[in-house]
């Protein structure tokens, strides 16, 4: 089987050094394995994604000397595929409509911790979603949806795990050898698979995209290591193959904080305009010069 790698940025800000590391690693690992390198644009969030950022992604990657197969898969063009999978999960009773706002979740958690002890939090530090809506009367839920109440569709992780016959693991190669890593999806609680303001969630779309594109190796930052726990559960539920994962180290700023679009980390275009070369970028991210 020909190895297939991918780089999958979201066009919601400028690419920074962390993205450069991930893109170049994928490109070079594909080359060294005699495999294919794909580019995917994860533009499933219409409120944050912009065409100008997508155009800049292509410009930045070409400047780094990367090439990729065409056509580029754009998530916004495949909404029907995500909806089909969501409807399948609905028919199996594995997802439920969740109506609590962030304010209501926070209030519920605060009250619980005041009286009962520590609430459960996911690996990103967000509180698990309260589970009482798992058993919400279907007619009440339907009425609320029909009148336009904002809601999300969440995976019932407890029910999903009950369908998995064996312990979940994934193959991880970030130590130089491929080894089994135990997956514990319950760490995340009932994750969002569909949002009222977007046609899918990252978790649902990424596992389906990786399958449909035949991705055999997922190379991404360590900040997404824990997401693999829930991705393995979704792959098992949907009968999707599991790629080999490689979670690389993160590029951090002078304060030790990981680079991110949300904190406006210096973009590749800014570095380029200040006189940096692709060789400079390789040195900055710790890759050997070609």
Protein backbone atom coordinates (compact mmCIF):
# COMPACT_ATOMS: atom_id res chain seq x y z
CA UNK A 1 0.00 0.00 0.00
CA UNK A 2 1.32 3.43 -0.94
CA UNK A 3 1.74 5.66 2.14
CA UNK A 4 -0.46 8.77 2.07
CA UNK A 5 0.25 11.83 4.22
CA UNK A 6 -1.66 15.08 4.52
CA UNK A 7 -1.38 18.62 5.85
CA UNK A 8 -4.78 20.00 6.84
CA UNK A 9 -4.79 23.66 7.94
CA UNK A 10 -7.83 25.81 8.66
CA UNK A 11 -8.02 29.14 6.79
CA UNK A 12 -8.90 31.12 9.90
CA UNK A 13 -5.61 32.96 10.32
CA UNK A 14 -2.03 33.10 9.11
CA UNK A 15 0.18 30.02 9.13
CA UNK A 16 2.96 30.25 11.72
CA UNK A 17 6.16 28.30 12.44
CA UNK A 18 4.22 25.43 14.03
CA UNK A 19 2.29 24.94 10.81
CA UNK A 20 5.52 25.13 8.81
CA UNK A 21 7.01 22.31 10.89
CA UNK A 22 3.94 20.11 10.42
CA UNK A 23 3.68 20.78 6.69
CA UNK A 24 7.37 20.16 6.03
CA UNK A 25 7.43 16.99 8.15
CA UNK A 26 4.45 15.56 6.26
CA UNK A 27 5.96 16.49 2.91
CA UNK A 28 9.35 14.99 3.71
CA UNK A 29 8.03 11.85 5.40
CA UNK A 30 5.86 11.22 2.33
CA UNK A 31 8.86 11.72 0.06
CA UNK A 32 11.11 9.45 2.13
CA UNK A 33 8.45 6.72 2.21
CA UNK A 34 7.84 6.93 -1.55
CA UNK A 35 4.32 8.05 -0.76
CA UNK A 36 1.83 10.79 -1.60
CA UNK A 37 1.36 14.22 0.00
CA UNK A 38 -2.10 15.79 0.08
CA UNK A 39 -3.30 19.21 1.14
CA UNK A 40 -6.73 19.57 2.75
CA UNK A 41 -8.41 22.85 3.64
CA UNK A 42 -10.46 22.45 6.83
CA UNK A 43 -12.90 25.32 6.26
CA UNK A 44 -15.89 23.79 8.01
CA UNK A 45 -16.34 26.84 10.29
CA UNK A 46 -17.98 29.56 8.14
CA UNK A 47 -17.74 32.19 10.88
CA UNK A 48 -13.94 32.10 11.10
CA UNK A 49 -12.63 30.85 7.74
CA UNK A 50 -11.76 33.38 5.05
CA UNK A 51 -10.81 32.94 1.36
CA UNK A 52 -7.90 35.35 1.77
CA UNK A 53 -6.38 33.09 4.42
CA UNK A 54 -6.82 30.08 2.13
CA UNK A 55 -5.02 31.88 -0.67
CA UNK A 56 -2.23 32.76 1.75
CA UNK A 57 -1.88 29.10 2.78
CA UNK A 58 -1.06 28.17 -0.82
CA UNK A 59 1.36 31.08 -1.12
CA UNK A 60 3.17 30.22 2.12
CA UNK A 61 3.50 26.52 1.32
CA UNK A 62 4.81 27.17 -2.18
CA UNK A 63 7.35 29.61 -0.73
CA UNK A 64 8.53 26.81 1.57
CA UNK A 65 9.10 24.70 -1.53
CA UNK A 66 6.23 22.26 -1.03
CA UNK A 67 4.00 20.78 -3.71
CA UNK A 68 0.89 18.62 -3.39
CA UNK A 69 -1.61 16.67 -5.40
CA UNK A 70 -4.59 18.38 -6.97
CA UNK A 71 -7.45 18.84 -6.45
CA UNK A 72 -7.27 20.08 -2.88
CA UNK A 73 -10.08 18.75 -0.69
CA UNK A 74 -12.07 21.58 0.88
CA UNK A 75 -14.38 20.54 3.70
CA UNK A 76 -17.01 23.14 2.80
CA UNK A 77 -17.61 21.21 -0.44
CA UNK A 78 -18.38 17.93 1.36
CA UNK A 79 -21.01 18.89 3.92
CA UNK A 80 -23.43 16.24 2.62
CA UNK A 81 -20.93 13.49 3.47
CA UNK A 82 -20.65 14.65 7.08
CA UNK A 83 -24.42 14.97 7.36
CA UNK A 84 -24.90 11.41 6.11
CA UNK A 85 -22.60 10.07 8.81
CA UNK A 86 -24.31 12.17 11.49
CA UNK A 87 -27.73 10.84 10.41
CA UNK A 88 -26.38 7.30 10.73
CA UNK A 89 -25.24 7.99 14.29
CA UNK A 90 -28.64 9.51 15.07
CA UNK A 91 -30.45 6.43 13.77
CA UNK A 92 -28.32 4.28 16.06
CA UNK A 93 -29.09 6.39 19.11
CA UNK A 94 -25.46 7.37 19.57
CA UNK A 95 -25.90 11.14 19.52
CA UNK A 96 -28.35 13.48 21.22
CA UNK A 97 -29.31 17.16 20.91
CA UNK A 98 -27.68 19.30 23.59
CA UNK A 99 -29.15 22.71 24.39
CA UNK A 100 -27.07 24.08 27.27
CA UNK A 101 -25.16 27.28 26.60
CA UNK A 102 -21.63 27.86 27.87
CA UNK A 103 -23.07 30.04 30.61
CA UNK A 104 -25.45 27.29 31.69
CA UNK A 105 -22.69 24.68 31.63
CA UNK A 106 -20.47 26.91 33.76
CA UNK A 107 -23.28 27.50 36.26
CA UNK A 108 -24.01 23.77 36.51
CA UNK A 109 -20.34 22.94 37.06
CA UNK A 110 -19.89 25.71 39.62
CA UNK A 111 -22.89 24.50 41.61
CA UNK A 112 -21.68 20.90 41.48
CA UNK A 113 -18.15 21.77 42.61
CA UNK A 114 -19.52 23.90 45.45
CA UNK A 115 -21.50 20.98 46.85
CA UNK A 116 -20.07 17.73 45.51
CA UNK A 117 -16.38 18.05 44.69
CA UNK A 118 -14.33 18.26 41.54
CA UNK A 119 -16.15 18.08 38.17
CA UNK A 120 -14.58 16.13 35.28
CA UNK A 121 -12.57 18.10 32.72
CA UNK A 122 -11.32 17.10 29.28
CA UNK A 123 -7.64 17.12 28.20
CA UNK A 124 -8.04 20.70 26.92
CA UNK A 125 -9.24 21.86 30.32
CA UNK A 126 -12.91 22.31 29.43
CA UNK A 127 -15.58 20.80 31.71
CA UNK A 128 -17.34 17.66 30.55
CA UNK A 129 -20.81 18.36 29.29
CA UNK A 130 -23.53 17.44 31.85
CA UNK A 131 -25.12 14.17 30.79
CA UNK A 132 -28.75 14.63 31.87
CA UNK A 133 -29.84 15.57 28.33
CA UNK A 134 -28.91 12.08 27.14
CA UNK A 135 -32.37 11.03 28.30
CA UNK A 136 -34.29 14.11 27.19
CA UNK A 137 -37.77 13.19 25.93
CA UNK A 138 -37.53 12.96 22.12
CA UNK A 139 -40.76 14.90 21.60
CA UNK A 140 -39.51 17.74 23.80
CA UNK A 141 -36.20 17.80 21.95
CA UNK A 142 -37.99 17.83 18.60
CA UNK A 143 -40.21 20.70 19.71
CA UNK A 144 -37.24 22.76 20.83
CA UNK A 145 -35.37 22.09 17.59
CA UNK A 146 -38.45 22.97 15.50
CA UNK A 147 -38.82 26.33 17.22
CA UNK A 148 -35.19 27.16 16.49
CA UNK A 149 -33.51 26.65 19.86
CA UNK A 150 -29.74 26.66 19.44
CA UNK A 151 -28.30 23.21 20.01
CA UNK A 152 -25.48 20.85 19.19
CA UNK A 153 -25.42 17.13 18.55
CA UNK A 154 -23.16 15.35 21.02
CA UNK A 155 -21.83 11.82 21.04
CA UNK A 156 -23.10 9.66 23.89
CA UNK A 157 -19.65 8.33 24.75
CA UNK A 158 -20.91 5.89 27.36
CA UNK A 159 -23.33 4.27 24.91
CA UNK A 160 -20.73 4.30 22.14
CA UNK A 161 -18.11 2.59 24.29
CA UNK A 162 -20.63 -0.11 25.18
CA UNK A 163 -20.63 -1.10 21.49
CA UNK A 164 -16.86 -1.51 21.32
CA UNK A 165 -15.95 -5.12 21.87
CA UNK A 166 -12.22 -4.69 22.52
CA UNK A 167 -9.90 -2.13 24.14
CA UNK A 168 -9.11 0.69 21.74
CA UNK A 169 -5.53 1.54 20.83
CA UNK A 170 -3.70 3.42 18.11
CA UNK A 171 -0.31 3.06 16.49
CA UNK A 172 2.01 5.93 17.46
CA UNK A 173 5.41 6.53 15.85
CA UNK A 174 6.69 9.69 17.55
CA UNK A 175 9.45 7.82 19.40
CA UNK A 176 11.02 6.47 16.21
CA UNK A 177 9.36 3.08 16.57
CA UNK A 178 5.70 2.21 16.08
CA UNK A 179 3.99 1.19 19.31
CA UNK A 180 0.47 0.63 20.62
CA UNK A 181 -1.01 3.50 22.63
CA UNK A 182 -4.16 2.83 24.71
CA UNK A 183 -7.14 5.03 23.78
CA UNK A 184 -9.46 6.32 26.49
CA UNK A 185 -12.28 8.28 24.78
CA UNK A 186 -14.06 8.82 28.10
CA UNK A 187 -11.43 11.49 28.84
CA UNK A 188 -13.42 13.82 26.59
CA UNK A 189 -16.95 13.26 27.82
CA UNK A 190 -19.76 13.77 25.29
CA UNK A 191 -17.97 15.62 22.49
CA UNK A 192 -19.68 17.83 19.92
CA UNK A 193 -20.18 16.27 16.45
CA UNK A 194 -22.42 19.01 14.98
CA UNK A 195 -22.83 22.66 15.90
CA UNK A 196 -25.75 24.96 15.29
CA UNK A 197 -23.40 27.42 13.54
CA UNK A 198 -21.37 24.90 11.49
CA UNK A 199 -22.29 21.77 9.50
CA UNK A 200 -19.89 19.46 11.33
CA UNK A 201 -17.26 19.37 14.05
CA UNK A 202 -13.52 18.85 13.77
CA UNK A 203 -13.72 15.37 15.30
CA UNK A 204 -16.34 14.05 12.90
CA UNK A 205 -15.04 15.65 9.70
CA UNK A 206 -11.38 14.79 10.25
CA UNK A 207 -11.89 11.05 10.72
CA UNK A 208 -14.18 10.87 7.69
CA UNK A 209 -11.84 12.95 5.53
CA UNK A 210 -8.84 10.81 6.48
CA UNK A 211 -10.74 7.69 5.44
CA UNK A 212 -12.11 9.09 2.19
CA UNK A 213 -8.68 10.39 1.19
CA UNK A 214 -6.98 7.11 2.05
CA UNK A 215 -4.68 8.71 4.62
CA UNK A 216 -2.32 6.10 6.07
CA UNK A 217 -0.17 8.39 8.23
CA UNK A 218 -1.42 11.34 10.30
CA UNK A 219 1.46 13.63 11.27
CA UNK A 220 0.34 16.51 13.47
CA UNK A 221 1.29 18.49 16.57
CA UNK A 222 1.36 17.10 20.10
CA UNK A 223 -1.51 19.45 20.96
CA UNK A 224 -3.76 17.02 19.08
CA UNK A 225 -2.39 13.88 20.74
CA UNK A 226 -5.36 13.54 23.08
CA UNK A 227 -7.86 14.12 20.25
CA UNK A 228 -6.78 10.70 18.98
CA UNK A 229 -8.60 9.10 21.92
CA UNK A 230 -11.96 10.22 20.55
CA UNK A 231 -10.94 9.77 16.91
CA UNK A 232 -10.28 6.09 17.52
CA UNK A 233 -13.74 5.67 18.99
CA UNK A 234 -15.37 7.36 15.99
CA UNK A 235 -13.34 5.24 13.58
CA UNK A 236 -14.49 2.11 15.38
CA UNK A 237 -18.16 3.18 15.40
CA UNK A 238 -18.10 4.09 11.70
CA UNK A 239 -16.03 1.12 10.50
CA UNK A 240 -13.18 3.36 9.33
CA UNK A 241 -9.55 2.30 9.11
CA UNK A 242 -7.13 3.78 11.65
CA UNK A 243 -4.01 5.44 10.24
CA UNK A 244 -0.61 5.41 11.93
CA UNK A 245 -0.20 8.55 14.04
CA UNK A 246 2.88 10.66 14.64
CA UNK A 247 2.52 13.59 17.03
CA UNK A 248 5.48 15.93 16.77
CA UNK A 249 6.78 18.45 19.29
CA UNK A 250 5.35 21.96 19.36
CA UNK A 251 7.07 25.23 18.53
CA UNK A 252 6.81 27.62 21.48
CA UNK A 253 7.38 31.32 21.91
CA UNK A 254 9.82 32.99 24.28
CA UNK A 255 7.39 32.63 27.19
CA UNK A 256 7.02 28.89 26.61
CA UNK A 257 3.51 29.17 25.17
CA UNK A 258 2.74 27.17 22.05
CA UNK A 259 2.27 29.19 18.89
CA UNK A 260 -1.34 29.71 17.91
CA UNK A 261 -3.50 31.81 15.62
CA UNK A 262 -5.63 32.75 18.62
CA UNK A 263 -2.75 34.70 20.16
CA UNK A 264 -1.62 36.15 16.82
CA UNK A 265 1.70 34.32 16.70
CA UNK A 266 4.01 35.74 14.03
CA UNK A 267 2.92 34.46 10.63
CA UNK A 268 5.08 33.03 7.86
CA UNK A 269 4.21 35.95 5.59
CA UNK A 270 5.50 38.41 8.18
CA UNK A 271 8.72 36.42 8.54
CA UNK A 272 9.09 36.29 4.76
CA UNK A 273 8.51 40.02 4.39
CA UNK A 274 11.10 40.69 7.10
CA UNK A 275 13.72 38.88 5.01
CA UNK A 276 13.56 35.29 6.27
CA UNK A 277 14.27 32.51 3.76
CA UNK A 278 12.89 28.96 3.67
CA UNK A 279 16.26 27.81 5.04
CA UNK A 280 15.80 30.20 7.96
CA UNK A 281 12.39 28.68 8.66
CA UNK A 282 13.90 25.19 8.72
CA UNK A 283 16.47 26.33 11.27
CA UNK A 284 13.80 28.03 13.39
CA UNK A 285 11.73 24.83 13.62
CA UNK A 286 14.71 22.55 14.18
CA UNK A 287 14.80 20.77 10.82
CA UNK A 288 18.11 20.05 9.04
CA UNK A 289 18.88 22.06 5.94
CA UNK A 290 18.22 20.30 2.66
